[in-house]
Amino acid sequence: MFAVAILRNRAPASKALELAQKWTQGHIPAEHRARFIATVEAKLVGIHEGNFARYAVTLAQYEAWLAADDDDVSD
């Protein structure tokens, strides 16, 4: 799942849609890109302390992802 890859790689959530748009260019047919990006956004927005384990993500990975987003926003 693309949203989980963003989280595991500590890509800031604030840049997730940009990353998804770039990735879709070579991987998703044009007619499905908007729906894919909306799904990625919905998944990322929905990940929280109560459900991150459902995505096979550790607490450390989840916290590192949150910190990466905080670092990106403060730059």
N, C-alpha and C. Protein backbone atom coordinates (compact mmCIF):
# COMPACT_ATOMS: atom_id res chain seq x y z
N MET A 1 0.83 -1.17 0.00
CA MET A 1 0.00 0.00 0.00
C MET A 1 0.89 1.25 0.00
N PHE A 2 0.60 2.16 -0.88
CA PHE A 2 1.43 3.35 -1.06
C PHE A 2 1.49 4.21 0.21
N ALA A 3 0.36 4.37 0.89
CA ALA A 3 0.33 5.19 2.10
C ALA A 3 1.25 4.61 3.17
N VAL A 4 1.30 3.30 3.29
CA VAL A 4 2.17 2.66 4.27
C VAL A 4 3.63 2.85 3.88
N ALA A 5 3.93 2.79 2.60
CA ALA A 5 5.30 3.03 2.14
C ALA A 5 5.74 4.44 2.50
N ILE A 6 4.85 5.39 2.36
CA ILE A 6 5.17 6.77 2.75
C ILE A 6 5.50 6.83 4.23
N LEU A 7 4.68 6.19 5.03
CA LEU A 7 4.89 6.19 6.46
C LEU A 7 6.20 5.50 6.83
N ARG A 8 6.41 4.30 6.31
CA ARG A 8 7.62 3.53 6.67
C ARG A 8 8.90 4.23 6.23
N ASN A 9 8.83 4.98 5.15
CA ASN A 9 10.01 5.69 4.66
C ASN A 9 10.13 7.09 5.25
N ARG A 10 9.26 7.40 6.19
CA ARG A 10 9.27 8.68 6.90
C ARG A 10 9.15 9.89 5.97
N ALA A 11 8.43 9.69 4.90
CA ALA A 11 8.16 10.82 4.00
C ALA A 11 7.12 11.70 4.69
N PRO A 12 7.37 12.98 4.79
CA PRO A 12 6.41 13.86 5.47
C PRO A 12 5.02 13.79 4.84
N ALA A 13 4.02 13.72 5.67
CA ALA A 13 2.65 13.68 5.17
C ALA A 13 2.35 14.91 4.33
N SER A 14 2.97 16.02 4.67
CA SER A 14 2.74 17.25 3.92
C SER A 14 3.22 17.15 2.47
N LYS A 15 4.07 16.18 2.18
CA LYS A 15 4.56 15.98 0.81
C LYS A 15 4.00 14.72 0.16
N ALA A 16 3.15 14.02 0.88
CA ALA A 16 2.65 12.73 0.41
C ALA A 16 1.91 12.82 -0.91
N LEU A 17 1.06 13.82 -1.07
CA LEU A 17 0.30 13.93 -2.31
C LEU A 17 1.20 14.24 -3.49
N GLU A 18 2.19 15.07 -3.26
CA GLU A 18 3.17 15.36 -4.31
C GLU A 18 3.90 14.09 -4.72
N LEU A 19 4.32 13.31 -3.74
CA LEU A 19 5.00 12.04 -4.02
C LEU A 19 4.08 11.08 -4.76
N ALA A 20 2.83 11.02 -4.33
CA ALA A 20 1.87 10.13 -4.98
C ALA A 20 1.63 10.54 -6.43
N GLN A 21 1.51 11.84 -6.67
CA GLN A 21 1.29 12.32 -8.04
C GLN A 21 2.47 11.96 -8.93
N LYS A 22 3.68 12.14 -8.44
CA LYS A 22 4.86 11.79 -9.23
C LYS A 22 4.91 10.29 -9.50
N TRP A 23 4.63 9.49 -8.49
CA TRP A 23 4.71 8.03 -8.63
C TRP A 23 3.66 7.52 -9.62
N THR A 24 2.47 8.10 -9.59
CA THR A 24 1.41 7.60 -10.46
C THR A 24 1.73 7.77 -11.94
N GLN A 25 2.56 8.74 -12.27
CA GLN A 25 2.87 9.01 -13.68
C GLN A 25 3.32 7.75 -14.43
N GLY A 26 4.13 6.94 -13.81
CA GLY A 26 4.63 5.75 -14.49
C GLY A 26 3.98 4.45 -14.06
N HIS A 27 3.02 4.53 -13.13
CA HIS A 27 2.48 3.30 -12.57
C HIS A 27 0.96 3.14 -12.64
N ILE A 28 0.25 4.24 -12.77
CA ILE A 28 -1.21 4.20 -12.72
C ILE A 28 -1.76 4.84 -14.00
N PRO A 29 -2.71 4.18 -14.66
CA PRO A 29 -3.32 4.79 -15.85
C PRO A 29 -3.94 6.15 -15.50
N ALA A 30 -3.88 7.07 -16.43
CA ALA A 30 -4.33 8.45 -16.20
C ALA A 30 -5.75 8.52 -15.65
N GLU A 31 -6.62 7.66 -16.12
CA GLU A 31 -8.02 7.72 -15.70
C GLU A 31 -8.23 7.27 -14.25
N HIS A 32 -7.23 6.66 -13.64
CA HIS A 32 -7.35 6.18 -12.26
C HIS A 32 -6.50 6.97 -11.27
N ARG A 33 -5.72 7.92 -11.74
CA ARG A 33 -4.78 8.64 -10.87
C ARG A 33 -5.47 9.44 -9.78
N ALA A 34 -6.49 10.19 -10.11
CA ALA A 34 -7.16 11.03 -9.11
C ALA A 34 -7.74 10.18 -7.99
N ARG A 35 -8.33 9.07 -8.34
CA ARG A 35 -8.91 8.18 -7.31
C ARG A 35 -7.80 7.58 -6.44
N PHE A 36 -6.70 7.18 -7.05
CA PHE A 36 -5.57 6.63 -6.31
C PHE A 36 -5.05 7.66 -5.31
N ILE A 37 -4.83 8.88 -5.76
CA ILE A 37 -4.29 9.94 -4.90
C ILE A 37 -5.27 10.24 -3.76
N ALA A 38 -6.55 10.28 -4.06
CA ALA A 38 -7.55 10.51 -3.01
C ALA A 38 -7.53 9.39 -1.98
N THR A 39 -7.32 8.16 -2.43
CA THR A 39 -7.25 7.03 -1.51
C THR A 39 -6.02 7.13 -0.63
N VAL A 40 -4.88 7.48 -1.20
CA VAL A 40 -3.66 7.66 -0.42
C VAL A 40 -3.89 8.73 0.64
N GLU A 41 -4.46 9.85 0.25
CA GLU A 41 -4.71 10.93 1.20
C GLU A 41 -5.63 10.47 2.33
N ALA A 42 -6.70 9.77 1.99
CA ALA A 42 -7.65 9.29 3.00
C ALA A 42 -6.98 8.33 3.97
N LYS A 43 -6.14 7.45 3.45
CA LYS A 43 -5.45 6.49 4.33
C LYS A 43 -4.50 7.22 5.28
N LEU A 44 -3.74 8.16 4.77
CA LEU A 44 -2.79 8.88 5.62
C LEU A 44 -3.50 9.71 6.68
N VAL A 45 -4.57 10.36 6.30
CA VAL A 45 -5.33 11.17 7.26
C VAL A 45 -5.93 10.27 8.35
N GLY A 46 -6.27 9.05 7.97
CA GLY A 46 -6.93 8.14 8.90
C GLY A 46 -6.00 7.37 9.82
N ILE A 47 -4.70 7.42 9.58
CA ILE A 47 -3.77 6.69 10.44
C ILE A 47 -3.55 7.48 11.73
N HIS A 48 -3.73 6.80 12.85
CA HIS A 48 -3.55 7.45 14.15
C HIS A 48 -3.05 6.43 15.17
N GLU A 49 -2.83 6.87 16.40
CA GLU A 49 -2.27 6.00 17.43
C GLU A 49 -3.11 4.76 17.69
N GLY A 50 -4.38 4.83 17.43
CA GLY A 50 -5.26 3.71 17.69
C GLY A 50 -5.32 2.66 16.59
N ASN A 51 -4.73 2.95 15.41
CA ASN A 51 -4.88 1.98 14.32
C ASN A 51 -3.62 1.75 13.49
N PHE A 52 -2.50 2.37 13.82
CA PHE A 52 -1.31 2.23 12.96
C PHE A 52 -0.87 0.78 12.85
N ALA A 53 -1.06 -0.03 13.90
CA ALA A 53 -0.62 -1.43 13.88
C ALA A 53 -1.37 -2.24 12.83
N ARG A 54 -2.55 -1.83 12.47
CA ARG A 54 -3.33 -2.51 11.43
C ARG A 54 -2.59 -2.54 10.10
N TYR A 55 -1.68 -1.59 9.91
CA TYR A 55 -0.92 -1.49 8.67
C TYR A 55 0.47 -2.11 8.79
N ALA A 56 0.68 -2.93 9.81
CA ALA A 56 1.97 -3.59 10.06
C ALA A 56 3.08 -2.56 10.22
N VAL A 57 2.77 -1.51 10.95
CA VAL A 57 3.71 -0.43 11.24
C VAL A 57 3.96 -0.45 12.74
N THR A 58 5.20 -0.32 13.13
CA THR A 58 5.53 -0.30 14.55
C THR A 58 5.28 1.09 15.14
N LEU A 59 5.23 1.15 16.45
CA LEU A 59 5.07 2.44 17.11
C LEU A 59 6.24 3.35 16.77
N ALA A 60 7.44 2.80 16.73
CA ALA A 60 8.63 3.59 16.39
C ALA A 60 8.52 4.16 14.97
N GLN A 61 8.05 3.37 14.01
CA GLN A 61 7.88 3.85 12.64
C GLN A 61 6.82 4.96 12.58
N TYR A 62 5.73 4.75 13.29
CA TYR A 62 4.65 5.75 13.31
C TYR A 62 5.15 7.06 13.92
N GLU A 63 5.84 6.96 15.04
CA GLU A 63 6.36 8.17 15.69
C GLU A 63 7.41 8.87 14.84
N ALA A 64 8.25 8.10 14.16
CA ALA A 64 9.27 8.70 13.28
C ALA A 64 8.60 9.44 12.12
N TRP A 65 7.53 8.88 11.60
CA TRP A 65 6.79 9.53 10.52
C TRP A 65 6.17 10.84 11.00
N LEU A 66 5.57 10.82 12.19
CA LEU A 66 5.02 12.05 12.74
C LEU A 66 6.10 13.11 12.93
N ALA A 67 7.24 12.68 13.43
CA ALA A 67 8.36 13.61 13.65
C ALA A 67 8.86 14.17 12.32
N ALA A 68 8.91 13.34 11.29
CA ALA A 68 9.36 13.81 9.97
C ALA A 68 8.43 14.90 9.46
N ASP A 69 7.14 14.73 9.68
CA ASP A 69 6.19 15.74 9.23
C ASP A 69 6.35 17.01 10.04
N ASP A 70 6.57 16.88 11.34
CA ASP A 70 6.78 18.06 12.18
C ASP A 70 8.04 18.80 11.74
N ASP A 71 9.11 18.04 11.44
CA ASP A 71 10.35 18.65 10.98
C ASP A 71 10.16 19.38 9.66
N ASP A 72 9.39 18.78 8.76
CA ASP A 72 9.16 19.38 7.44
C ASP A 72 8.35 20.67 7.56
N VAL A 73 7.37 20.68 8.42
CA VAL A 73 6.50 21.85 8.57
C VAL A 73 7.27 23.00 9.22
N SER A 74 8.19 22.68 10.13
CA SER A 74 8.92 23.74 10.83
C SER A 74 10.06 24.33 10.00
N ASP A 75 10.42 23.68 8.90
CA ASP A 75 11.51 24.21 8.04
C ASP A 75 11.11 25.46 7.31
